[in-house]
Amino acid sequence: MDDVREQNKRSWDAMADSWFGTTALPAYGCYIPTEERLNLFPDLRGKRVLDVGCGSGHSLKWCGDRGAAELWGLDMSTRQIQNARRFLEESGYAPRLFNGPMEEDCGLPEAYFDVVYSIYAIGWTVDLAATLRRVAVYLKKGGVFIFSWDHPFMHCVEARENQLLFEGCYLEEELFSYRQRGFPVTLRNRKLSTYINALADAGLTVERVVEETDEITLAPPVEFSSDYYSPWKAKRFPCSIVIKAEKR
């Protein structure tokens, strides 16, 4: 798994600039309602927040604009951290950013954060159980964890000739590799139950699971598309999930 993580880090360092500002709060991901519709976050005024997989820092700015007292971020990509630091400082914030793997103790304070979140980043972990244990350690009692990622069906379903075909096996949580923007990356598909059970094992209680398609996508008729992310797919099954849990 160390080899997988190192490969992914190199690729993210290489392509970080091309992802600047994408998939950030209030958006959760592909064709899923935004935070303005879901209202999963508590009032952030005076809160300490940690972004796991903080990317270019745009979600942290969203939190700061809503009154968060402290902005902390963690990302395995050195380039992403550089971009986030520059962007947030230019926006008038003083973030505390850490460059390291989400699965390991990177020196972040324990039992400190009111909100920990991860916007389309949690699926990059090479050890989900270890990552969620770290999240639970970071959170104060009563703190919340919110994350989004691809719906697990996305890896199993292909669109072909106006049909959805189950090409993969939902039950097999295998590694798979592909090229993203020209760079090699490796991920692991996971069942929805795997996420929920791992949260429970880490001492986090699930409050809400969102697997919906946003109203704007559902409203108009769309033409068939075989793209991995497409409105045609999203009108038939959710492309993304959001899960909210609490440390009690």
C-alpha atoms as a PDB file:
ATOM      1  CA  MET A   1       0.000   0.000   0.000  1.00  0.00           C
ATOM      2  CA  ASP A   2       2.949   2.342   0.510  1.00  0.00           C
ATOM      3  CA  ASP A   3       3.735   1.984  -3.207  1.00  0.00           C
ATOM      4  CA  VAL A   4       0.157   2.876  -4.123  1.00  0.00           C
ATOM      5  CA  ARG A   5       0.175   5.920  -1.871  1.00  0.00           C
ATOM      6  CA  GLU A   6       3.516   7.133  -3.226  1.00  0.00           C
ATOM      7  CA  GLN A   7       2.331   6.714  -6.818  1.00  0.00           C
ATOM      8  CA  ASN A   8      -0.845   8.666  -6.081  1.00  0.00           C
ATOM      9  CA  LYS A   9       1.120  11.411  -4.314  1.00  0.00           C
ATOM     10  CA  ARG A  10       3.447  11.842  -7.294  1.00  0.00           C
ATOM     11  CA  SER A  11       0.503  12.015  -9.659  1.00  0.00           C
ATOM     12  CA  TRP A  12      -1.366  14.541  -7.509  1.00  0.00           C
ATOM     13  CA  ASP A  13       1.736  16.701  -7.227  1.00  0.00           C
ATOM     14  CA  ALA A  14       1.945  16.681 -11.016  1.00  0.00           C
ATOM     15  CA  MET A  15      -1.715  17.494 -11.706  1.00  0.00           C
ATOM     16  CA  ALA A  16      -2.640  19.625  -8.670  1.00  0.00           C
ATOM     17  CA  ASP A  17      -2.648  22.892 -10.612  1.00  0.00           C
ATOM     18  CA  SER A  18      -5.197  21.532 -13.092  1.00  0.00           C
ATOM     19  CA  TRP A  19      -7.631  20.782 -10.229  1.00  0.00           C
ATOM     20  CA  PHE A  20      -7.327  24.215  -8.601  1.00  0.00           C
ATOM     21  CA  GLY A  21     -10.700  25.299  -7.224  1.00  0.00           C
ATOM     22  CA  THR A  22     -12.675  22.232  -8.334  1.00  0.00           C
ATOM     23  CA  THR A  23     -15.062  20.101  -6.241  1.00  0.00           C
ATOM     24  CA  ALA A  24     -15.182  22.355  -3.210  1.00  0.00           C
ATOM     25  CA  LEU A  25     -17.861  23.412  -0.751  1.00  0.00           C
ATOM     26  CA  PRO A  26     -20.686  24.207  -1.049  1.00  0.00           C
ATOM     27  CA  ALA A  27     -20.508  21.492  -3.746  1.00  0.00           C
ATOM     28  CA  TYR A  28     -20.111  17.912  -2.541  1.00  0.00           C
ATOM     29  CA  GLY A  29     -19.441  16.178  -5.840  1.00  0.00           C
ATOM     30  CA  CYS A  30     -20.999  15.108  -9.105  1.00  0.00           C
ATOM     31  CA  TYR A  31     -24.734  15.720  -9.627  1.00  0.00           C
ATOM     32  CA  ILE A  32     -25.550  15.677  -5.912  1.00  0.00           C
ATOM     33  CA  PRO A  33     -27.312  18.480  -3.983  1.00  0.00           C
ATOM     34  CA  THR A  34     -25.043  21.147  -2.504  1.00  0.00           C
ATOM     35  CA  GLU A  35     -24.630  22.102   1.144  1.00  0.00           C
ATOM     36  CA  GLU A  36     -27.064  24.971   0.565  1.00  0.00           C
ATOM     37  CA  ARG A  37     -29.737  22.332  -0.048  1.00  0.00           C
ATOM     38  CA  LEU A  38     -28.571  19.627   2.411  1.00  0.00           C
ATOM     39  CA  ASN A  39     -27.615  21.766   5.439  1.00  0.00           C
ATOM     40  CA  LEU A  40     -25.357  19.108   6.958  1.00  0.00           C
ATOM     41  CA  PHE A  41     -22.832  21.523   8.497  1.00  0.00           C
ATOM     42  CA  PRO A  42     -23.517  23.148  11.854  1.00  0.00           C
ATOM     43  CA  ASP A  43     -23.181  26.883  12.371  1.00  0.00           C
ATOM     44  CA  LEU A  44     -19.438  27.385  11.814  1.00  0.00           C
ATOM     45  CA  ARG A  45     -19.055  30.647  13.707  1.00  0.00           C
ATOM     46  CA  GLY A  46     -16.231  30.227  16.205  1.00  0.00           C
ATOM     47  CA  LYS A  47     -15.642  26.583  15.216  1.00  0.00           C
ATOM     48  CA  ARG A  48     -12.365  24.764  14.595  1.00  0.00           C
ATOM     49  CA  VAL A  49     -12.491  22.872  11.309  1.00  0.00           C
ATOM     50  CA  LEU A  50     -10.195  20.327   9.677  1.00  0.00           C
ATOM     51  CA  ASP A  51     -10.296  19.488   5.973  1.00  0.00           C
ATOM     52  CA  VAL A  52      -8.930  15.999   5.199  1.00  0.00           C
ATOM     53  CA  GLY A  53      -7.685  16.109   1.618  1.00  0.00           C
ATOM     54  CA  CYS A  54      -7.882  19.893   1.555  1.00  0.00           C
ATOM     55  CA  GLY A  55      -6.735  20.287  -2.056  1.00  0.00           C
ATOM     56  CA  SER A  56      -6.394  23.907  -3.130  1.00  0.00           C
ATOM     57  CA  GLY A  57      -8.069  25.258   0.021  1.00  0.00           C
ATOM     58  CA  HIS A  58     -11.328  26.466  -1.504  1.00  0.00           C
ATOM     59  CA  SER A  59     -13.497  24.484   0.934  1.00  0.00           C
ATOM     60  CA  LEU A  60     -11.520  25.928   3.847  1.00  0.00           C
ATOM     61  CA  LYS A  61     -12.159  29.430   2.501  1.00  0.00           C
ATOM     62  CA  TRP A  62     -15.876  28.605   2.378  1.00  0.00           C
ATOM     63  CA  CYS A  63     -15.680  27.668   6.076  1.00  0.00           C
ATOM     64  CA  GLY A  64     -13.722  30.809   6.916  1.00  0.00           C
ATOM     65  CA  ASP A  65     -16.233  32.968   5.088  1.00  0.00           C
ATOM     66  CA  ARG A  66     -18.868  31.478   7.391  1.00  0.00           C
ATOM     67  CA  GLY A  67     -17.040  32.416  10.546  1.00  0.00           C
ATOM     68  CA  ALA A  68     -14.895  29.381  11.367  1.00  0.00           C
ATOM     69  CA  ALA A  69     -12.315  30.423  13.966  1.00  0.00           C
ATOM     70  CA  GLU A  70      -9.496  28.087  12.870  1.00  0.00           C
ATOM     71  CA  LEU A  71      -8.826  26.576   9.457  1.00  0.00           C
ATOM     72  CA  TRP A  72      -6.743  23.383   9.411  1.00  0.00           C
ATOM     73  CA  GLY A  73      -5.983  21.229   6.385  1.00  0.00           C
ATOM     74  CA  LEU A  74      -4.270  17.931   5.579  1.00  0.00           C
ATOM     75  CA  ASP A  75      -3.241  16.669   2.147  1.00  0.00           C
ATOM     76  CA  MET A  76      -0.776  14.067   0.888  1.00  0.00           C
ATOM     77  CA  SER A  77       0.168  16.283  -2.080  1.00  0.00           C
ATOM     78  CA  THR A  78       2.919  18.806  -1.449  1.00  0.00           C
ATOM     79  CA  ARG A  79       1.761  20.870  -4.415  1.00  0.00           C
ATOM     80  CA  GLN A  80      -1.825  20.969  -3.165  1.00  0.00           C
ATOM     81  CA  ILE A  81      -0.629  22.276   0.206  1.00  0.00           C
ATOM     82  CA  GLN A  82       1.449  24.956  -1.526  1.00  0.00           C
ATOM     83  CA  ASN A  83      -1.552  26.023  -3.609  1.00  0.00           C
ATOM     84  CA  ALA A  84      -3.871  26.018  -0.599  1.00  0.00           C
ATOM     85  CA  ARG A  85      -1.510  28.068   1.527  1.00  0.00           C
ATOM     86  CA  ARG A  86      -1.071  30.692  -1.187  1.00  0.00           C
ATOM     87  CA  PHE A  87      -4.795  30.863  -1.980  1.00  0.00           C
ATOM     88  CA  LEU A  88      -5.916  31.120   1.647  1.00  0.00           C
ATOM     89  CA  GLU A  89      -3.300  33.676   2.632  1.00  0.00           C
ATOM     90  CA  GLU A  90      -4.220  35.799  -0.388  1.00  0.00           C
ATOM     91  CA  SER A  91      -7.846  35.503   0.807  1.00  0.00           C
ATOM     92  CA  GLY A  92      -6.891  36.929   4.198  1.00  0.00           C
ATOM     93  CA  TYR A  93      -6.711  33.711   6.220  1.00  0.00           C
ATOM     94  CA  ALA A  94      -3.932  32.119   8.270  1.00  0.00           C
ATOM     95  CA  PRO A  95      -4.426  28.369   7.710  1.00  0.00           C
ATOM     96  CA  ARG A  96      -2.602  25.599   9.522  1.00  0.00           C
ATOM     97  CA  LEU A  97      -1.774  23.094   6.811  1.00  0.00           C
ATOM     98  CA  PHE A  98      -0.106  19.690   7.083  1.00  0.00           C
ATOM     99  CA  ASN A  99       1.453  17.706   4.254  1.00  0.00           C
ATOM    100  CA  GLY A 100       1.057  14.003   4.985  1.00  0.00           C
ATOM    101  CA  PRO A 101      -1.064  10.866   4.585  1.00  0.00           C
ATOM    102  CA  MET A 102      -4.544  10.843   6.079  1.00  0.00           C
ATOM    103  CA  GLU A 103      -3.995   7.353   7.514  1.00  0.00           C
ATOM    104  CA  GLU A 104      -1.189   8.432   9.854  1.00  0.00           C
ATOM    105  CA  ASP A 105      -0.619  10.737  12.811  1.00  0.00           C
ATOM    106  CA  CYS A 106       0.731  13.920  11.208  1.00  0.00           C
ATOM    107  CA  GLY A 107       0.895  15.977  14.393  1.00  0.00           C
ATOM    108  CA  LEU A 108      -2.637  17.347  14.360  1.00  0.00           C
ATOM    109  CA  PRO A 109      -4.180  18.047  17.790  1.00  0.00           C
ATOM    110  CA  GLU A 110      -6.447  15.438  19.347  1.00  0.00           C
ATOM    111  CA  ALA A 111     -10.001  15.933  20.658  1.00  0.00           C
ATOM    112  CA  TYR A 112      -9.771  19.460  19.260  1.00  0.00           C
ATOM    113  CA  PHE A 113     -12.006  19.939  16.234  1.00  0.00           C
ATOM    114  CA  ASP A 114     -15.717  20.740  16.100  1.00  0.00           C
ATOM    115  CA  VAL A 115     -15.959  19.699  12.449  1.00  0.00           C
ATOM    116  CA  VAL A 116     -13.808  17.396  10.329  1.00  0.00           C
ATOM    117  CA  TYR A 117     -14.791  16.997   6.695  1.00  0.00           C
ATOM    118  CA  SER A 118     -13.499  15.538   3.433  1.00  0.00           C
ATOM    119  CA  ILE A 119     -14.848  16.620   0.046  1.00  0.00           C
ATOM    120  CA  TYR A 120     -14.250  13.952  -2.582  1.00  0.00           C
ATOM    121  CA  ALA A 121     -10.961  12.876  -0.994  1.00  0.00           C
ATOM    122  CA  ILE A 122     -11.664  10.070   1.479  1.00  0.00           C
ATOM    123  CA  GLY A 123     -11.637   7.438  -1.267  1.00  0.00           C
ATOM    124  CA  TRP A 124      -7.917   8.051  -1.818  1.00  0.00           C
ATOM    125  CA  THR A 125      -7.075   6.442   1.504  1.00  0.00           C
ATOM    126  CA  VAL A 126      -5.145   3.177   1.339  1.00  0.00           C
ATOM    127  CA  ASP A 127      -6.488   2.221   4.802  1.00  0.00           C
ATOM    128  CA  LEU A 128     -10.048   3.362   5.470  1.00  0.00           C
ATOM    129  CA  ALA A 129     -10.194   2.000   9.020  1.00  0.00           C
ATOM    130  CA  ALA A 130      -6.982   3.799  10.020  1.00  0.00           C
ATOM    131  CA  THR A 131      -8.147   7.053   8.446  1.00  0.00           C
ATOM    132  CA  LEU A 132     -11.475   7.019  10.272  1.00  0.00           C
ATOM    133  CA  ARG A 133      -9.760   6.195  13.558  1.00  0.00           C
ATOM    134  CA  ARG A 134      -7.623   9.300  13.037  1.00  0.00           C
ATOM    135  CA  VAL A 135     -10.744  11.370  12.308  1.00  0.00           C
ATOM    136  CA  ALA A 136     -12.338  10.156  15.539  1.00  0.00           C
ATOM    137  CA  VAL A 137      -9.191  11.069  17.482  1.00  0.00           C
ATOM    138  CA  TYR A 138      -9.181  14.599  16.043  1.00  0.00           C
ATOM    139  CA  LEU A 139     -12.827  15.283  16.868  1.00  0.00           C
ATOM    140  CA  LYS A 140     -14.123  16.662  20.142  1.00  0.00           C
ATOM    141  CA  LYS A 141     -16.999  14.803  21.749  1.00  0.00           C
ATOM    142  CA  GLY A 142     -20.103  15.925  19.902  1.00  0.00           C
ATOM    143  CA  GLY A 143     -18.063  16.905  16.860  1.00  0.00           C
ATOM    144  CA  VAL A 144     -19.216  15.941  13.372  1.00  0.00           C
ATOM    145  CA  PHE A 145     -17.527  14.319  10.393  1.00  0.00           C
ATOM    146  CA  ILE A 146     -18.901  14.860   6.890  1.00  0.00           C
ATOM    147  CA  PHE A 147     -17.475  13.332   3.737  1.00  0.00           C
ATOM    148  CA  SER A 148     -18.388  12.813   0.096  1.00  0.00           C
ATOM    149  CA  TRP A 149     -17.137  10.415  -2.546  1.00  0.00           C
ATOM    150  CA  ASP A 150     -18.160   8.478  -5.650  1.00  0.00           C
ATOM    151  CA  HIS A 151     -21.181   6.286  -5.132  1.00  0.00           C
ATOM    152  CA  PRO A 152     -19.867   2.684  -4.997  1.00  0.00           C
ATOM    153  CA  PHE A 153     -22.033   1.756  -7.996  1.00  0.00           C
ATOM    154  CA  MET A 154     -19.952   4.059 -10.198  1.00  0.00           C
ATOM    155  CA  HIS A 155     -17.149   1.522 -10.463  1.00  0.00           C
ATOM    156  CA  CYS A 156     -19.524  -1.336 -11.281  1.00  0.00           C
ATOM    157  CA  VAL A 157     -21.939   0.177 -13.806  1.00  0.00           C
ATOM    158  CA  GLU A 158     -21.233   1.080 -17.432  1.00  0.00           C
ATOM    159  CA  ALA A 159     -23.490   2.958 -19.838  1.00  0.00           C
ATOM    160  CA  ARG A 160     -23.667   1.364 -23.271  1.00  0.00           C
ATOM    161  CA  GLU A 161     -26.213   1.725 -26.088  1.00  0.00           C
ATOM    162  CA  ASN A 162     -28.819   3.435 -23.891  1.00  0.00           C
ATOM    163  CA  GLN A 163     -28.473   0.789 -21.217  1.00  0.00           C
ATOM    164  CA  LEU A 164     -26.830   0.490 -17.823  1.00  0.00           C
ATOM    165  CA  LEU A 165     -24.800  -2.696 -17.549  1.00  0.00           C
ATOM    166  CA  PHE A 166     -23.405  -4.174 -14.361  1.00  0.00           C
ATOM    167  CA  GLU A 167     -19.863  -4.875 -15.523  1.00  0.00           C
ATOM    168  CA  GLY A 168     -18.011  -5.037 -12.222  1.00  0.00           C
ATOM    169  CA  CYS A 169     -18.626  -6.885  -8.970  1.00  0.00           C
ATOM    170  CA  TYR A 170     -19.974  -4.696  -6.183  1.00  0.00           C
ATOM    171  CA  LEU A 171     -18.965  -7.301  -3.602  1.00  0.00           C
ATOM    172  CA  GLU A 172     -15.267  -7.349  -4.544  1.00  0.00           C
ATOM    173  CA  GLU A 173     -13.401  -4.426  -3.029  1.00  0.00           C
ATOM    174  CA  GLU A 174     -10.478  -4.683  -5.379  1.00  0.00           C
ATOM    175  CA  LEU A 175      -7.789  -2.205  -6.318  1.00  0.00           C
ATOM    176  CA  PHE A 176      -8.084  -0.710  -9.783  1.00  0.00           C
ATOM    177  CA  SER A 177      -5.730   1.564 -11.696  1.00  0.00           C
ATOM    178  CA  TYR A 178      -6.290   4.089 -14.468  1.00  0.00           C
ATOM    179  CA  ARG A 179      -4.825   7.317 -15.816  1.00  0.00           C
ATOM    180  CA  GLN A 180      -6.234  10.577 -14.528  1.00  0.00           C
ATOM    181  CA  ARG A 181      -5.351  13.604 -16.633  1.00  0.00           C
ATOM    182  CA  GLY A 182      -2.476  11.560 -18.018  1.00  0.00           C
ATOM    183  CA  PHE A 183      -1.073  10.349 -14.691  1.00  0.00           C
ATOM    184  CA  PRO A 184      -1.335   6.864 -13.119  1.00  0.00           C
ATOM    185  CA  VAL A 185      -3.524   6.513 -10.024  1.00  0.00           C
ATOM    186  CA  THR A 186      -4.824   3.545  -8.047  1.00  0.00           C
ATOM    187  CA  LEU A 187      -7.988   3.374  -5.938  1.00  0.00           C
ATOM    188  CA  ARG A 188     -10.005   0.756  -4.115  1.00  0.00           C
ATOM    189  CA  ASN A 189     -13.720   0.347  -4.666  1.00  0.00           C
ATOM    190  CA  ARG A 190     -15.639  -0.034  -1.382  1.00  0.00           C
ATOM    191  CA  LYS A 191     -19.208  -1.019  -0.574  1.00  0.00           C
ATOM    192  CA  LEU A 192     -21.463   1.533   1.112  1.00  0.00           C
ATOM    193  CA  SER A 193     -21.673  -0.805   4.110  1.00  0.00           C
ATOM    194  CA  THR A 194     -17.869  -0.771   4.372  1.00  0.00           C
ATOM    195  CA  TYR A 195     -17.900   2.980   4.942  1.00  0.00           C
ATOM    196  CA  ILE A 196     -20.731   2.795   7.466  1.00  0.00           C
ATOM    197  CA  ASN A 197     -19.226  -0.121   9.409  1.00  0.00           C
ATOM    198  CA  ALA A 198     -15.779   1.508   9.463  1.00  0.00           C
ATOM    199  CA  LEU A 199     -17.335   4.674  10.896  1.00  0.00           C
ATOM    200  CA  ALA A 200     -19.025   2.609  13.613  1.00  0.00           C
ATOM    201  CA  ASP A 201     -15.807   0.754  14.406  1.00  0.00           C
ATOM    202  CA  ALA A 202     -14.057   4.110  14.825  1.00  0.00           C
ATOM    203  CA  GLY A 203     -16.677   5.219  17.365  1.00  0.00           C
ATOM    204  CA  LEU A 204     -18.616   7.504  15.027  1.00  0.00           C
ATOM    205  CA  THR A 205     -22.412   7.356  14.803  1.00  0.00           C
ATOM    206  CA  VAL A 206     -23.928   7.835  11.358  1.00  0.00           C
ATOM    207  CA  GLU A 207     -26.573  10.545  11.316  1.00  0.00           C
ATOM    208  CA  ARG A 208     -27.372  10.784   7.625  1.00  0.00           C
ATOM    209  CA  VAL A 209     -26.556   9.112   4.323  1.00  0.00           C
ATOM    210  CA  VAL A 210     -27.286  11.076   1.149  1.00  0.00           C
ATOM    211  CA  GLU A 211     -27.496   9.288  -2.188  1.00  0.00           C
ATOM    212  CA  GLU A 212     -29.516  11.649  -4.340  1.00  0.00           C
ATOM    213  CA  THR A 213     -29.302  13.440  -7.667  1.00  0.00           C
ATOM    214  CA  ASP A 214     -29.793  17.197  -7.631  1.00  0.00           C
ATOM    215  CA  GLU A 215     -33.033  18.658  -8.964  1.00  0.00           C
ATOM    216  CA  ILE A 216     -31.347  20.622 -11.776  1.00  0.00           C
ATOM    217  CA  THR A 217     -29.973  17.404 -13.249  1.00  0.00           C
ATOM    218  CA  LEU A 218     -33.226  15.500 -12.829  1.00  0.00           C
ATOM    219  CA  ALA A 219     -35.453  18.137 -14.443  1.00  0.00           C
ATOM    220  CA  PRO A 220     -34.543  18.303 -18.159  1.00  0.00           C
ATOM    221  CA  PRO A 221     -34.404  15.399 -20.614  1.00  0.00           C
ATOM    222  CA  VAL A 222     -30.829  14.448 -21.542  1.00  0.00           C
ATOM    223  CA  GLU A 223     -29.230  12.506 -24.332  1.00  0.00           C
ATOM    224  CA  PHE A 224     -27.465   9.214 -23.764  1.00  0.00           C
ATOM    225  CA  SER A 225     -23.820   9.483 -22.716  1.00  0.00           C
ATOM    226  CA  SER A 226     -21.288   6.782 -21.915  1.00  0.00           C
ATOM    227  CA  ASP A 227     -19.108   9.227 -19.944  1.00  0.00           C
ATOM    228  CA  TYR A 228     -18.065   8.074 -16.482  1.00  0.00           C
ATOM    229  CA  TYR A 229     -19.862  11.074 -14.961  1.00  0.00           C
ATOM    230  CA  SER A 230     -22.926  12.105 -16.931  1.00  0.00           C
ATOM    231  CA  PRO A 231     -26.436  13.495 -16.360  1.00  0.00           C
ATOM    232  CA  TRP A 232     -27.783  10.434 -18.205  1.00  0.00           C
ATOM    233  CA  LYS A 233     -26.361   8.187 -15.496  1.00  0.00           C
ATOM    234  CA  ALA A 234     -27.292  10.581 -12.692  1.00  0.00           C
ATOM    235  CA  LYS A 235     -30.957  10.473 -13.695  1.00  0.00           C
ATOM    236  CA  ARG A 236     -30.896   6.703 -13.073  1.00  0.00           C
ATOM    237  CA  PHE A 237     -28.724   6.296  -9.969  1.00  0.00           C
ATOM    238  CA  PRO A 238     -26.732   8.618  -7.693  1.00  0.00           C
ATOM    239  CA  CYS A 239     -23.175   9.316  -8.830  1.00  0.00           C
ATOM    240  CA  SER A 240     -22.048  10.551  -5.402  1.00  0.00           C
ATOM    241  CA  ILE A 241     -22.660   9.890  -1.719  1.00  0.00           C
ATOM    242  CA  VAL A 242     -22.427  12.115   1.346  1.00  0.00           C
ATOM    243  CA  ILE A 243     -22.267  10.716   4.884  1.00  0.00           C
ATOM    244  CA  LYS A 244     -22.528  12.655   8.129  1.00  0.00           C
ATOM    245  CA  ALA A 245     -21.472  11.104  11.450  1.00  0.00           C
ATOM    246  CA  GLU A 246     -20.987  12.295  15.022  1.00  0.00           C
ATOM    247  CA  LYS A 247     -18.529  11.451  17.791  1.00  0.00           C
ATOM    248  CA  ARG A 248     -20.568  10.735  20.901  1.00  0.00           C
END
